Amino acid sequence: MKDMFIASFFHEGVLGGVIYLLVDRALYRTNKLQVEVKYRSLEIPYSSIESIKTGRALVFPTVTFALKSGISYRFIVFSRKKFLSRLETLRKQA
């Protein structure tokens, strides 16, 4: 099963795209050609996530993934409550 959420990634500005919640990982996709290839299709395995934090950027809801490697990725995620609920369910199953 694949769930998708409209999202924007904070990387040298704000990049619009979509986060797909897959069985074993979150996948962010954007079609912006000016962005490095690794950020156009960014995979975040659930097993590599150390913590998930919520916040706000101006009035927009954000989610930050802090990875065990020390890297963190911050996103504006629309329908954040539904996103976090579904993410938690999938992480428990993985």
PDB file of N, CA and C in Angstrom:
ATOM      1  N   MET A   1       0.842  -1.184   0.000  1.00  0.00           N
ATOM      2  CA  MET A   1       0.000   0.000   0.000  1.00  0.00           C
ATOM      3  C   MET A   1       0.884   1.243   0.000  1.00  0.00           C
ATOM      4  N   LYS A   2       0.444   2.278  -0.691  1.00  0.00           N
ATOM      5  CA  LYS A   2       1.228   3.491  -0.798  1.00  0.00           C
ATOM      6  C   LYS A   2       0.347   4.686  -0.443  1.00  0.00           C
ATOM      7  N   ASP A   3       0.789   5.470   0.534  1.00  0.00           N
ATOM      8  CA  ASP A   3       0.095   6.688   0.922  1.00  0.00           C
ATOM      9  C   ASP A   3       0.916   7.869   0.437  1.00  0.00           C
ATOM     10  N   MET A   4       0.259   8.910  -0.061  1.00  0.00           N
ATOM     11  CA  MET A   4       0.991  10.085  -0.525  1.00  0.00           C
ATOM     12  C   MET A   4       0.464  11.346   0.155  1.00  0.00           C
ATOM     13  N   PHE A   5       1.393  12.249   0.455  1.00  0.00           N
ATOM     14  CA  PHE A   5       1.078  13.499   1.124  1.00  0.00           C
ATOM     15  C   PHE A   5       1.818  14.632   0.425  1.00  0.00           C
ATOM     16  N   ILE A   6       1.125  15.726   0.179  1.00  0.00           N
ATOM     17  CA  ILE A   6       1.748  16.915  -0.398  1.00  0.00           C
ATOM     18  C   ILE A   6       2.727  17.457   0.633  1.00  0.00           C
ATOM     19  N   ALA A   7       3.946  17.740   0.183  1.00  0.00           N
ATOM     20  CA  ALA A   7       4.987  18.177   1.104  1.00  0.00           C
ATOM     21  C   ALA A   7       5.967  19.103   0.395  1.00  0.00           C
ATOM     22  N   SER A   8       6.688  19.877   1.183  1.00  0.00           N
ATOM     23  CA  SER A   8       7.770  20.725   0.683  1.00  0.00           C
ATOM     24  C   SER A   8       8.998  20.471   1.535  1.00  0.00           C
ATOM     25  N   PHE A   9      10.123  20.313   0.885  1.00  0.00           N
ATOM     26  CA  PHE A   9      11.390  19.988   1.535  1.00  0.00           C
ATOM     27  C   PHE A   9      12.216  21.254   1.690  1.00  0.00           C
ATOM     28  N   PHE A  10      12.794  21.448   2.881  1.00  0.00           N
ATOM     29  CA  PHE A  10      13.679  22.585   3.113  1.00  0.00           C
ATOM     30  C   PHE A  10      15.091  22.200   2.690  1.00  0.00           C
ATOM     31  N   HIS A  11      15.510  22.694   1.529  1.00  0.00           N
ATOM     32  CA  HIS A  11      16.876  22.490   1.050  1.00  0.00           C
ATOM     33  C   HIS A  11      17.190  23.625   0.084  1.00  0.00           C
ATOM     34  N   GLU A  12      18.033  24.545   0.526  1.00  0.00           N
ATOM     35  CA  GLU A  12      18.365  25.730  -0.277  1.00  0.00           C
ATOM     36  C   GLU A  12      17.082  26.395  -0.789  1.00  0.00           C
ATOM     37  N   GLY A  13      16.154  26.576   0.110  1.00  0.00           N
ATOM     38  CA  GLY A  13      14.832  27.103  -0.213  1.00  0.00           C
ATOM     39  C   GLY A  13      13.798  26.042   0.121  1.00  0.00           C
ATOM     40  N   VAL A  14      12.608  26.215  -0.375  1.00  0.00           N
ATOM     41  CA  VAL A  14      11.533  25.260  -0.134  1.00  0.00           C
ATOM     42  C   VAL A  14      11.159  24.618  -1.466  1.00  0.00           C
ATOM     43  N   LEU A  15      11.256  23.292  -1.526  1.00  0.00           N
ATOM     44  CA  LEU A  15      11.007  22.544  -2.759  1.00  0.00           C
ATOM     45  C   LEU A  15       9.704  21.765  -2.653  1.00  0.00           C
ATOM     46  N   GLY A  16       8.749  22.071  -3.487  1.00  0.00           N
ATOM     47  CA  GLY A  16       7.478  21.363  -3.486  1.00  0.00           C
ATOM     48  C   GLY A  16       7.622  19.952  -4.016  1.00  0.00           C
ATOM     49  N   GLY A  17       6.828  19.050  -3.484  1.00  0.00           N
ATOM     50  CA  GLY A  17       6.857  17.663  -3.934  1.00  0.00           C
ATOM     51  C   GLY A  17       5.825  16.835  -3.195  1.00  0.00           C
ATOM     52  N   VAL A  18       6.109  15.551  -3.106  1.00  0.00           N
ATOM     53  CA  VAL A  18       5.205  14.595  -2.469  1.00  0.00           C
ATOM     54  C   VAL A  18       6.028  13.633  -1.625  1.00  0.00           C
ATOM     55  N   ILE A  19       5.492  13.270  -0.445  1.00  0.00           N
ATOM     56  CA  ILE A  19       6.087  12.204   0.357  1.00  0.00           C
ATOM     57  C   ILE A  19       5.183  10.985   0.230  1.00  0.00           C
ATOM     58  N   TYR A  20       5.777   9.879  -0.178  1.00  0.00           N
ATOM     59  CA  TYR A  20       5.074   8.602  -0.244  1.00  0.00           C
ATOM     60  C   TYR A  20       5.487   7.793   0.977  1.00  0.00           C
ATOM     61  N   LEU A  21       4.520   7.250   1.699  1.00  0.00           N
ATOM     62  CA  LEU A  21       4.818   6.348   2.809  1.00  0.00           C
ATOM     63  C   LEU A  21       4.660   4.930   2.295  1.00  0.00           C
ATOM     64  N   LEU A  22       5.774   4.247   2.162  1.00  0.00           N
ATOM     65  CA  LEU A  22       5.800   2.878   1.674  1.00  0.00           C
ATOM     66  C   LEU A  22       5.894   1.926   2.860  1.00  0.00           C
ATOM     67  N   VAL A  23       5.930   0.658   2.610  1.00  0.00           N
ATOM     68  CA  VAL A  23       5.957  -0.344   3.678  1.00  0.00           C
ATOM     69  C   VAL A  23       7.198  -0.207   4.559  1.00  0.00           C
ATOM     70  N   ASP A  24       8.358   0.104   3.966  1.00  0.00           N
ATOM     71  CA  ASP A  24       9.609   0.120   4.719  1.00  0.00           C
ATOM     72  C   ASP A  24      10.339   1.462   4.739  1.00  0.00           C
ATOM     73  N   ARG A  25       9.800   2.462   4.039  1.00  0.00           N
ATOM     74  CA  ARG A  25      10.507   3.743   3.977  1.00  0.00           C
ATOM     75  C   ARG A  25       9.570   4.868   3.552  1.00  0.00           C
ATOM     76  N   ALA A  26      10.022   6.085   3.843  1.00  0.00           N
ATOM     77  CA  ALA A  26       9.365   7.285   3.328  1.00  0.00           C
ATOM     78  C   ALA A  26      10.161   7.728   2.108  1.00  0.00           C
ATOM     79  N   LEU A  27       9.459   8.148   1.069  1.00  0.00           N
ATOM     80  CA  LEU A  27      10.101   8.537  -0.181  1.00  0.00           C
ATOM     81  C   LEU A  27       9.593   9.916  -0.577  1.00  0.00           C
ATOM     82  N   TYR A  28      10.503  10.891  -0.639  1.00  0.00           N
ATOM     83  CA  TYR A  28      10.149  12.243  -1.073  1.00  0.00           C
ATOM     84  C   TYR A  28      10.538  12.377  -2.534  1.00  0.00           C
ATOM     85  N   ARG A  29       9.629  12.902  -3.331  1.00  0.00           N
ATOM     86  CA  ARG A  29       9.903  13.110  -4.758  1.00  0.00           C
ATOM     87  C   ARG A  29       9.562  14.529  -5.165  1.00  0.00           C
ATOM     88  N   THR A  30      10.446  15.111  -5.976  1.00  0.00           N
ATOM     89  CA  THR A  30      10.198  16.400  -6.597  1.00  0.00           C
ATOM     90  C   THR A  30      10.688  16.323  -8.041  1.00  0.00           C
ATOM     91  N   ASN A  31      10.155  17.158  -8.899  1.00  0.00           N
ATOM     92  CA  ASN A  31      10.571  17.174 -10.302  1.00  0.00           C
ATOM     93  C   ASN A  31      11.420  18.392 -10.640  1.00  0.00           C
ATOM     94  N   LYS A  32      11.921  19.076  -9.631  1.00  0.00           N
ATOM     95  CA  LYS A  32      12.749  20.262  -9.856  1.00  0.00           C
ATOM     96  C   LYS A  32      14.108  19.851 -10.415  1.00  0.00           C
ATOM     97  N   LEU A  33      14.420  20.296 -11.609  1.00  0.00           N
ATOM     98  CA  LEU A  33      15.663  19.903 -12.259  1.00  0.00           C
ATOM     99  C   LEU A  33      16.893  20.606 -11.680  1.00  0.00           C
ATOM    100  N   GLN A  34      16.704  21.734 -11.012  1.00  0.00           N
ATOM    101  CA  GLN A  34      17.829  22.483 -10.459  1.00  0.00           C
ATOM    102  C   GLN A  34      18.376  21.841  -9.180  1.00  0.00           C
ATOM    103  N   VAL A  35      17.666  20.871  -8.645  1.00  0.00           N
ATOM    104  CA  VAL A  35      18.042  20.237  -7.387  1.00  0.00           C
ATOM    105  C   VAL A  35      18.955  19.051  -7.654  1.00  0.00           C
ATOM    106  N   GLU A  36      19.892  18.811  -6.738  1.00  0.00           N
ATOM    107  CA  GLU A  36      20.777  17.652  -6.857  1.00  0.00           C
ATOM    108  C   GLU A  36      19.941  16.378  -6.976  1.00  0.00           C
ATOM    109  N   VAL A  37      20.443  15.414  -7.714  1.00  0.00           N
ATOM    110  CA  VAL A  37      19.713  14.176  -7.986  1.00  0.00           C
ATOM    111  C   VAL A  37      19.313  13.464  -6.692  1.00  0.00           C
ATOM    112  N   LYS A  38      20.195  13.442  -5.694  1.00  0.00           N
ATOM    113  CA  LYS A  38      19.881  12.708  -4.460  1.00  0.00           C
ATOM    114  C   LYS A  38      18.688  13.302  -3.709  1.00  0.00           C
ATOM    115  N   TYR A  39      18.371  14.577  -3.959  1.00  0.00           N
ATOM    116  CA  TYR A  39      17.225  15.200  -3.293  1.00  0.00           C
ATOM    117  C   TYR A  39      15.954  15.127  -4.139  1.00  0.00           C
ATOM    118  N   ARG A  40      16.061  14.773  -5.402  1.00  0.00           N
ATOM    119  CA  ARG A  40      14.870  14.625  -6.249  1.00  0.00           C
ATOM    120  C   ARG A  40      14.076  13.384  -5.887  1.00  0.00           C
ATOM    121  N   SER A  41      14.764  12.384  -5.389  1.00  0.00           N
ATOM    122  CA  SER A  41      14.131  11.132  -4.962  1.00  0.00           C
ATOM    123  C   SER A  41      14.818  10.696  -3.670  1.00  0.00           C
ATOM    124  N   LEU A  42      14.398  11.282  -2.573  1.00  0.00           N
ATOM    125  CA  LEU A  42      15.047  11.083  -1.277  1.00  0.00           C
ATOM    126  C   LEU A  42      14.357   9.962  -0.508  1.00  0.00           C
ATOM    127  N   GLU A  43      15.099   8.901  -0.225  1.00  0.00           N
ATOM    128  CA  GLU A  43      14.558   7.759   0.512  1.00  0.00           C
ATOM    129  C   GLU A  43      15.003   7.814   1.961  1.00  0.00           C
ATOM    130  N   ILE A  44      14.046   7.619   2.869  1.00  0.00           N
ATOM    131  CA  ILE A  44      14.331   7.604   4.303  1.00  0.00           C
ATOM    132  C   ILE A  44      13.797   6.284   4.868  1.00  0.00           C
ATOM    133  N   PRO A  45      14.669   5.274   5.026  1.00  0.00           N
ATOM    134  CA  PRO A  45      14.217   4.001   5.607  1.00  0.00           C
ATOM    135  C   PRO A  45      13.758   4.213   7.052  1.00  0.00           C
ATOM    136  N   TYR A  46      12.667   3.570   7.403  1.00  0.00           N
ATOM    137  CA  TYR A  46      12.146   3.720   8.775  1.00  0.00           C
ATOM    138  C   TYR A  46      13.174   3.278   9.806  1.00  0.00           C
ATOM    139  N   SER A  47      13.989   2.279   9.477  1.00  0.00           N
ATOM    140  CA  SER A  47      14.986   1.765  10.418  1.00  0.00           C
ATOM    141  C   SER A  47      16.093   2.776  10.708  1.00  0.00           C
ATOM    142  N   SER A  48      16.267   3.782   9.848  1.00  0.00           N
ATOM    143  CA  SER A  48      17.323   4.771  10.055  1.00  0.00           C
ATOM    144  C   SER A  48      16.830   6.021  10.810  1.00  0.00           C
ATOM    145  N   ILE A  49      15.544   6.085  11.114  1.00  0.00           N
ATOM    146  CA  ILE A  49      14.990   7.260  11.806  1.00  0.00           C
ATOM    147  C   ILE A  49      15.203   7.129  13.303  1.00  0.00           C
ATOM    148  N   GLU A  50      15.868   8.130  13.867  1.00  0.00           N
ATOM    149  CA  GLU A  50      16.087   8.164  15.313  1.00  0.00           C
ATOM    150  C   GLU A  50      14.920   8.839  16.011  1.00  0.00           C
ATOM    151  N   SER A  51      14.462   9.979  15.467  1.00  0.00           N
ATOM    152  CA  SER A  51      13.332  10.679  16.065  1.00  0.00           C
ATOM    153  C   SER A  51      12.595  11.497  15.008  1.00  0.00           C
ATOM    154  N   ILE A  52      11.353  11.818  15.334  1.00  0.00           N
ATOM    155  CA  ILE A  52      10.514  12.633  14.471  1.00  0.00           C
ATOM    156  C   ILE A  52       9.983  13.779  15.317  1.00  0.00           C
ATOM    157  N   LYS A  53      10.227  14.995  14.844  1.00  0.00           N
ATOM    158  CA  LYS A  53       9.799  16.182  15.590  1.00  0.00           C
ATOM    159  C   LYS A  53       8.819  16.992  14.753  1.00  0.00           C
ATOM    160  N   THR A  54       7.918  17.663  15.419  1.00  0.00           N
ATOM    161  CA  THR A  54       6.974  18.529  14.730  1.00  0.00           C
ATOM    162  C   THR A  54       7.263  19.971  15.086  1.00  0.00           C
ATOM    163  N   GLY A  55       6.817  20.876  14.257  1.00  0.00           N
ATOM    164  CA  GLY A  55       7.018  22.296  14.495  1.00  0.00           C
ATOM    165  C   GLY A  55       6.205  23.103  13.507  1.00  0.00           C
ATOM    166  N   ARG A  56       6.617  24.340  13.330  1.00  0.00           N
ATOM    167  CA  ARG A  56       5.945  25.228  12.389  1.00  0.00           C
ATOM    168  C   ARG A  56       6.983  26.082  11.679  1.00  0.00           C
ATOM    169  N   ALA A  57       6.698  26.371  10.420  1.00  0.00           N
ATOM    170  CA  ALA A  57       7.460  27.333   9.633  1.00  0.00           C
ATOM    171  C   ALA A  57       6.434  28.367   9.212  1.00  0.00           C
ATOM    172  N   LEU A  58       6.512  29.527   9.820  1.00  0.00           N
ATOM    173  CA  LEU A  58       5.465  30.539   9.699  1.00  0.00           C
ATOM    174  C   LEU A  58       4.155  29.912  10.166  1.00  0.00           C
ATOM    175  N   VAL A  59       3.207  29.706   9.301  1.00  0.00           N
ATOM    176  CA  VAL A  59       1.931  29.100   9.713  1.00  0.00           C
ATOM    177  C   VAL A  59       1.810  27.650   9.247  1.00  0.00           C
ATOM    178  N   PHE A  60       2.835  27.119   8.591  1.00  0.00           N
ATOM    179  CA  PHE A  60       2.768  25.779   8.010  1.00  0.00           C
ATOM    180  C   PHE A  60       3.292  24.719   8.975  1.00  0.00           C
ATOM    181  N   PRO A  61       2.629  23.553   9.020  1.00  0.00           N
ATOM    182  CA  PRO A  61       3.061  22.466   9.903  1.00  0.00           C
ATOM    183  C   PRO A  61       4.294  21.755   9.329  1.00  0.00           C
ATOM    184  N   THR A  62       5.288  21.531  10.174  1.00  0.00           N
ATOM    185  CA  THR A  62       6.506  20.862   9.713  1.00  0.00           C
ATOM    186  C   THR A  62       6.729  19.542  10.447  1.00  0.00           C
ATOM    187  N   VAL A  63       7.481  18.684   9.782  1.00  0.00           N
ATOM    188  CA  VAL A  63       7.929  17.414  10.353  1.00  0.00           C
ATOM    189  C   VAL A  63       9.419  17.316  10.052  1.00  0.00           C
ATOM    190  N   THR A  64      10.206  17.012  11.085  1.00  0.00           N
ATOM    191  CA  THR A  64      11.648  16.852  10.919  1.00  0.00           C
ATOM    192  C   THR A  64      12.034  15.423  11.260  1.00  0.00           C
ATOM    193  N   PHE A  65      12.703  14.763  10.319  1.00  0.00           N
ATOM    194  CA  PHE A  65      13.226  13.420  10.539  1.00  0.00           C
ATOM    195  C   PHE A  65      14.685  13.559  10.953  1.00  0.00           C
ATOM    196  N   ALA A  66      15.021  13.124  12.153  1.00  0.00           N
ATOM    197  CA  ALA A  66      16.412  13.078  12.606  1.00  0.00           C
ATOM    198  C   ALA A  66      16.871  11.629  12.449  1.00  0.00           C
ATOM    199  N   LEU A  67      17.909  11.428  11.639  1.00  0.00           N
ATOM    200  CA  LEU A  67      18.388  10.081  11.361  1.00  0.00           C
ATOM    201  C   LEU A  67      19.508   9.682  12.314  1.00  0.00           C
ATOM    202  N   LYS A  68      19.717   8.398  12.447  1.00  0.00           N
ATOM    203  CA  LYS A  68      20.773   7.872  13.319  1.00  0.00           C
ATOM    204  C   LYS A  68      22.153   8.326  12.863  1.00  0.00           C
ATOM    205  N   SER A  69      22.294   8.653  11.591  1.00  0.00           N
ATOM    206  CA  SER A  69      23.573   9.110  11.044  1.00  0.00           C
ATOM    207  C   SER A  69      23.889  10.557  11.419  1.00  0.00           C
ATOM    208  N   GLY A  70      22.929  11.255  12.037  1.00  0.00           N
ATOM    209  CA  GLY A  70      23.131  12.646  12.411  1.00  0.00           C
ATOM    210  C   GLY A  70      22.533  13.633  11.418  1.00  0.00           C
ATOM    211  N   ILE A  71      22.097  13.173  10.272  1.00  0.00           N
ATOM    212  CA  ILE A  71      21.466  14.020   9.261  1.00  0.00           C
ATOM    213  C   ILE A  71      20.009  14.229   9.633  1.00  0.00           C
ATOM    214  N   SER A  72      19.487  15.419   9.335  1.00  0.00           N
ATOM    215  CA  SER A  72      18.062  15.641   9.550  1.00  0.00           C
ATOM    216  C   SER A  72      17.458  16.278   8.299  1.00  0.00           C
ATOM    217  N   TYR A  73      16.203  15.944   8.057  1.00  0.00           N
ATOM    218  CA  TYR A  73      15.461  16.460   6.918  1.00  0.00           C
ATOM    219  C   TYR A  73      14.167  17.078   7.436  1.00  0.00           C
ATOM    220  N   ARG A  74      13.895  18.312   7.002  1.00  0.00           N
ATOM    221  CA  ARG A  74      12.710  19.030   7.460  1.00  0.00           C
ATOM    222  C   ARG A  74      11.766  19.265   6.288  1.00  0.00           C
ATOM    223  N   PHE A  75      10.492  18.998   6.538  1.00  0.00           N
ATOM    224  CA  PHE A  75       9.463  19.116   5.513  1.00  0.00           C
ATOM    225  C   PHE A  75       8.261  19.884   6.040  1.00  0.00           C
ATOM    226  N   ILE A  76       7.619  20.643   5.173  1.00  0.00           N
ATOM    227  CA  ILE A  76       6.265  21.111   5.435  1.00  0.00           C
ATOM    228  C   ILE A  76       5.376  19.975   4.946  1.00  0.00           C
ATOM    229  N   VAL A  77       4.490  19.486   5.815  1.00  0.00           N
ATOM    230  CA  VAL A  77       3.616  18.374   5.435  1.00  0.00           C
ATOM    231  C   VAL A  77       2.172  18.791   5.676  1.00  0.00           C
ATOM    232  N   PHE A  78       1.400  18.777   4.615  1.00  0.00           N
ATOM    233  CA  PHE A  78      -0.017  19.074   4.739  1.00  0.00           C
ATOM    234  C   PHE A  78      -0.737  17.810   5.204  1.00  0.00           C
ATOM    235  N   SER A  79      -1.801  17.953   5.957  1.00  0.00           N
ATOM    236  CA  SER A  79      -2.492  16.820   6.607  1.00  0.00           C
ATOM    237  C   SER A  79      -1.519  16.111   7.551  1.00  0.00           C
ATOM    238  N   ARG A  80      -0.805  16.908   8.342  1.00  0.00           N
ATOM    239  CA  ARG A  80       0.257  16.382   9.204  1.00  0.00           C
ATOM    240  C   ARG A  80      -0.244  15.339  10.197  1.00  0.00           C
ATOM    241  N   LYS A  81      -1.410  15.560  10.788  1.00  0.00           N
ATOM    242  CA  LYS A  81      -1.928  14.613  11.783  1.00  0.00           C
ATOM    243  C   LYS A  81      -2.139  13.230  11.158  1.00  0.00           C
ATOM    244  N   LYS A  82      -2.753  13.199   9.989  1.00  0.00           N
ATOM    245  CA  LYS A  82      -2.972  11.939   9.270  1.00  0.00           C
ATOM    246  C   LYS A  82      -1.634  11.325   8.853  1.00  0.00           C
ATOM    247  N   PHE A  83      -0.707  12.160   8.397  1.00  0.00           N
ATOM    248  CA  PHE A  83       0.625  11.711   7.996  1.00  0.00           C
ATOM    249  C   PHE A  83       1.342  11.021   9.158  1.00  0.00           C
ATOM    250  N   LEU A  84       1.357  11.664  10.321  1.00  0.00           N
ATOM    251  CA  LEU A  84       2.054  11.106  11.484  1.00  0.00           C
ATOM    252  C   LEU A  84       1.406   9.814  11.969  1.00  0.00           C
ATOM    253  N   SER A  85       0.094   9.767  11.918  1.00  0.00           N
ATOM    254  CA  SER A  85      -0.625   8.557  12.335  1.00  0.00           C
ATOM    255  C   SER A  85      -0.271   7.385  11.416  1.00  0.00           C
ATOM    256  N   ARG A  86      -0.316   7.622  10.127  1.00  0.00           N
ATOM    257  CA  ARG A  86      -0.006   6.566   9.157  1.00  0.00           C
ATOM    258  C   ARG A  86       1.467   6.160   9.225  1.00  0.00           C
ATOM    259  N   LEU A  87       2.344   7.133   9.413  1.00  0.00           N
ATOM    260  CA  LEU A  87       3.783   6.869   9.547  1.00  0.00           C
ATOM    261  C   LEU A  87       4.050   5.976  10.752  1.00  0.00           C
ATOM    262  N   GLU A  88       3.434   6.275  11.863  1.00  0.00           N
ATOM    263  CA  GLU A  88       3.632   5.483  13.083  1.00  0.00           C
ATOM    264  C   GLU A  88       3.159   4.045  12.864  1.00  0.00           C
ATOM    265  N   THR A  89       2.028   3.883  12.220  1.00  0.00           N
ATOM    266  CA  THR A  89       1.511   2.533  11.928  1.00  0.00           C
ATOM    267  C   THR A  89       2.487   1.749  11.072  1.00  0.00           C
ATOM    268  N   LEU A  90       2.996   2.372  10.023  1.00  0.00           N
ATOM    269  CA  LEU A  90       3.917   1.690   9.120  1.00  0.00           C
ATOM    270  C   LEU A  90       5.253   1.382   9.794  1.00  0.00           C
ATOM    271  N   ARG A  91       5.730   2.291  10.635  1.00  0.00           N
ATOM    272  CA  ARG A  91       6.999   2.045  11.332  1.00  0.00           C
ATOM    273  C   ARG A  91       6.894   0.861  12.285  1.00  0.00           C
ATOM    274  N   LYS A  92       5.746   0.697  12.911  1.00  0.00           N
ATOM    275  CA  LYS A  92       5.552  -0.445  13.817  1.00  0.00           C
ATOM    276  C   LYS A  92       5.530  -1.764  13.056  1.00  0.00           C
ATOM    277  N   GLN A  93       4.985  -1.721  11.833  1.00  0.00           N
ATOM    278  CA  GLN A  93       4.892  -2.948  11.024  1.00  0.00           C
ATOM    279  C   GLN A  93       6.228  -3.312  10.387  1.00  0.00           C
ATOM    280  N   ALA A  94       7.102  -2.339  10.186  1.00  0.00           N
ATOM    281  CA  ALA A  94       8.382  -2.588   9.489  1.00  0.00           C
ATOM    282  C   ALA A  94       9.381  -3.343  10.361  1.00  0.00           C
TER     283      ALA A  94
END
